[in-house]
Protein backbone atom coordinates (compact mmCIF):
# COMPACT_ATOMS: atom_id res chain seq x y z
CA MET A 1 19.86 -12.16 -10.77
CA ILE A 2 21.96 -12.99 -8.34
CA PRO A 3 21.35 -13.04 -4.89
CA THR A 4 24.02 -10.83 -2.98
CA ARG A 5 24.93 -13.71 -1.29
CA ASP A 6 25.98 -15.63 -4.24
CA LYS A 7 28.02 -12.14 -5.40
CA ASP A 8 30.04 -12.58 -2.48
CA ILE A 9 31.16 -15.96 -2.44
CA LEU A 10 32.10 -15.30 -6.35
CA LYS A 11 34.00 -11.62 -4.85
CA HIS A 12 36.04 -14.19 -2.72
CA LEU A 13 36.52 -16.88 -5.33
CA ARG A 14 37.50 -13.94 -8.10
CA ALA A 15 40.31 -12.21 -5.61
CA ASN A 16 41.57 -16.16 -4.91
CA ALA A 17 40.30 -19.16 -6.19
CA ARG A 18 42.42 -20.96 -3.58
CA LYS A 19 40.58 -19.50 -0.62
CA PRO A 20 39.48 -22.19 1.66
CA MET A 21 35.46 -22.13 1.60
CA VAL A 22 36.17 -21.74 5.70
CA ASP A 23 37.72 -18.52 5.27
CA ILE A 24 35.08 -17.47 3.07
CA ALA A 25 32.05 -18.84 5.42
CA LYS A 26 34.24 -16.83 7.88
CA ASP A 27 33.90 -13.32 5.89
CA THR A 28 30.52 -13.72 4.16
CA GLY A 29 29.08 -14.95 7.53
CA ILE A 30 27.21 -17.98 5.04
CA PRO A 31 28.09 -21.58 6.38
CA VAL A 32 29.98 -23.10 4.79
CA SER A 33 27.88 -26.73 3.88
CA THR A 34 25.94 -23.62 1.78
CA ILE A 35 28.72 -22.66 -0.11
CA PHE A 36 29.95 -26.49 -0.93
CA GLU A 37 26.52 -26.74 -2.28
CA LYS A 38 26.59 -23.64 -4.15
CA LEU A 39 29.76 -24.60 -5.67
CA LYS A 40 28.69 -28.10 -6.41
CA ARG A 41 25.59 -27.04 -7.96
CA ASN A 42 26.60 -23.73 -9.77
CA ASP A 43 22.98 -23.15 -10.82
CA GLN A 44 23.47 -20.19 -13.14
CA LYS A 45 26.74 -21.96 -14.21
CA VAL A 46 28.36 -18.71 -13.78
CA ILE A 47 31.42 -20.16 -12.95
CA LYS A 48 32.69 -21.48 -16.14
CA LYS A 49 35.91 -22.79 -15.22
CA PHE A 50 38.74 -22.54 -12.31
CA THR A 51 42.13 -21.17 -13.52
CA THR A 52 45.08 -19.45 -12.68
CA ILE A 53 45.90 -16.06 -14.08
CA LEU A 54 49.49 -15.99 -15.50
CA ASP A 55 52.25 -13.47 -15.54
CA PHE A 56 53.20 -13.85 -19.34
CA PRO A 57 56.75 -11.92 -19.01
CA LYS A 58 57.99 -13.69 -16.03
CA LEU A 59 57.75 -16.96 -18.29
CA GLY A 60 59.58 -15.40 -20.88
CA TYR A 61 56.75 -14.27 -23.49
CA ASN A 62 57.13 -10.14 -23.19
CA ILE A 63 55.15 -9.45 -26.85
CA ARG A 64 51.26 -9.21 -26.83
CA LYS A 65 49.50 -8.49 -29.20
CA LYS A 66 45.30 -7.56 -30.03
CA ILE A 67 45.13 -8.43 -33.57
CA LEU A 68 41.59 -7.51 -34.63
CA ILE A 69 40.85 -9.40 -37.81
CA ASN A 70 37.27 -8.66 -40.59
CA THR A 71 36.87 -12.02 -42.38
CA LEU A 72 33.76 -13.20 -44.06
CA GLU A 73 34.42 -17.11 -43.28
CA PRO A 74 34.80 -16.60 -39.07
CA GLU A 75 34.62 -20.50 -38.72
CA ARG A 76 36.98 -21.29 -40.94
CA LEU A 77 39.87 -18.93 -39.65
CA ILE A 78 38.89 -19.98 -36.38
CA ASN A 79 39.52 -23.15 -36.67
CA PHE A 80 42.85 -22.79 -38.35
CA LEU A 81 43.62 -20.10 -35.06
CA SER A 82 41.75 -23.01 -32.11
CA ASP A 83 45.36 -24.67 -32.05
CA HIS A 84 48.00 -22.39 -32.31
CA GLU A 85 50.38 -22.49 -29.79
CA ASN A 86 50.31 -18.09 -29.50
CA ILE A 87 46.70 -17.86 -29.24
CA ASN A 88 45.69 -17.09 -25.85
CA SER A 89 42.07 -16.17 -26.82
CA ILE A 90 39.46 -15.92 -29.69
CA TYR A 91 36.54 -13.31 -29.51
CA LYS A 92 33.82 -13.11 -32.00
CA ALA A 93 33.26 -9.86 -32.32
CA ASP A 94 31.21 -6.62 -34.63
CA ASN A 95 30.76 -3.23 -35.88
CA GLY A 96 33.72 -4.00 -38.88
CA PHE A 97 36.28 -6.51 -37.31
CA ASN A 98 34.57 -10.01 -36.57
CA LEU A 99 37.41 -11.74 -34.40
CA ILE A 100 39.49 -10.74 -32.01
CA LEU A 101 42.69 -12.66 -31.28
CA ASP A 102 44.93 -12.34 -27.80
CA CYS A 103 48.34 -13.42 -28.87
CA ILE A 104 51.50 -14.38 -27.14
CA PHE A 105 55.46 -14.65 -27.91
CA LYS A 106 58.41 -14.94 -26.80
CA GLN A 107 59.83 -13.46 -29.58
CA MET A 108 59.49 -10.99 -32.82
CA ASP A 109 60.50 -13.38 -34.68
CA ALA A 110 57.23 -16.14 -33.41
CA PHE A 111 55.18 -13.03 -33.93
CA TYR A 112 56.58 -13.00 -37.58
CA ASP A 113 55.93 -16.60 -38.43
CA PHE A 114 52.53 -16.17 -36.72
CA LYS A 115 51.52 -13.00 -38.72
CA SER A 116 53.26 -15.00 -42.10
CA GLN A 117 50.60 -17.67 -41.70
CA LEU A 118 47.81 -15.79 -40.79
CA GLN A 119 48.04 -14.05 -44.71
CA THR A 120 47.78 -17.66 -46.20
CA GLN A 121 43.76 -17.23 -44.13
CA PRO A 122 41.39 -15.25 -46.09
CA TYR A 123 40.52 -12.01 -44.51
CA LYS A 124 39.45 -8.84 -45.59
CA ASP A 125 41.05 -6.51 -43.00
CA ILE A 126 43.61 -6.53 -40.18
CA LYS A 127 44.27 -4.47 -37.15
CA ILE A 128 46.96 -5.28 -34.93
CA LEU A 129 47.80 -3.94 -31.67
CA ASP A 130 51.30 -3.91 -29.43
CA ILE A 131 50.17 -4.37 -25.92
CA THR A 132 52.70 -1.86 -23.60
CA GLU A 133 51.53 -2.60 -20.16
CA GLU A 134 48.71 -4.66 -18.95
CA VAL A 135 47.24 -2.42 -16.22
CA LYS A 136 44.15 -4.09 -15.11
CA ARG A 137 42.89 -8.27 -15.65
CA GLU A 138 40.16 -10.15 -14.19
CA GLU A 139 39.13 -7.65 -11.51
CA PHE A 140 35.11 -7.33 -12.46
CA MET A 141 33.46 -8.75 -9.32
CA ASN A 142 36.92 -8.52 -6.94
């Protein structure tokens, strides 16, 4: 279990990972040195990396798809997909589909090209979901 003080630090970082430690210390009452040491040690390895959440449509990537795949060769498919420029995330799953892809495209032509490439890979079933609007993302513990 994560101590309350650590949760308070994480909440601030989830809201703004660039927030100065001095400001986090003021808001939480935790000394800056303690915050610094906790982040440096990251004992429980709960922070995987500091990253930026992009607004894809503002970058010209207006087409977003979630693709669910049932394959007998998930590792082979993961190897094929891992370096593909349109793949944002790959998740292993269960309950009918063992891979979930988060894909982003600038144009439908790029999606159709990707779909053609995907059809050369071994899978039993595939379901493509169009993401029409992002309602909430990366807000847990924020």
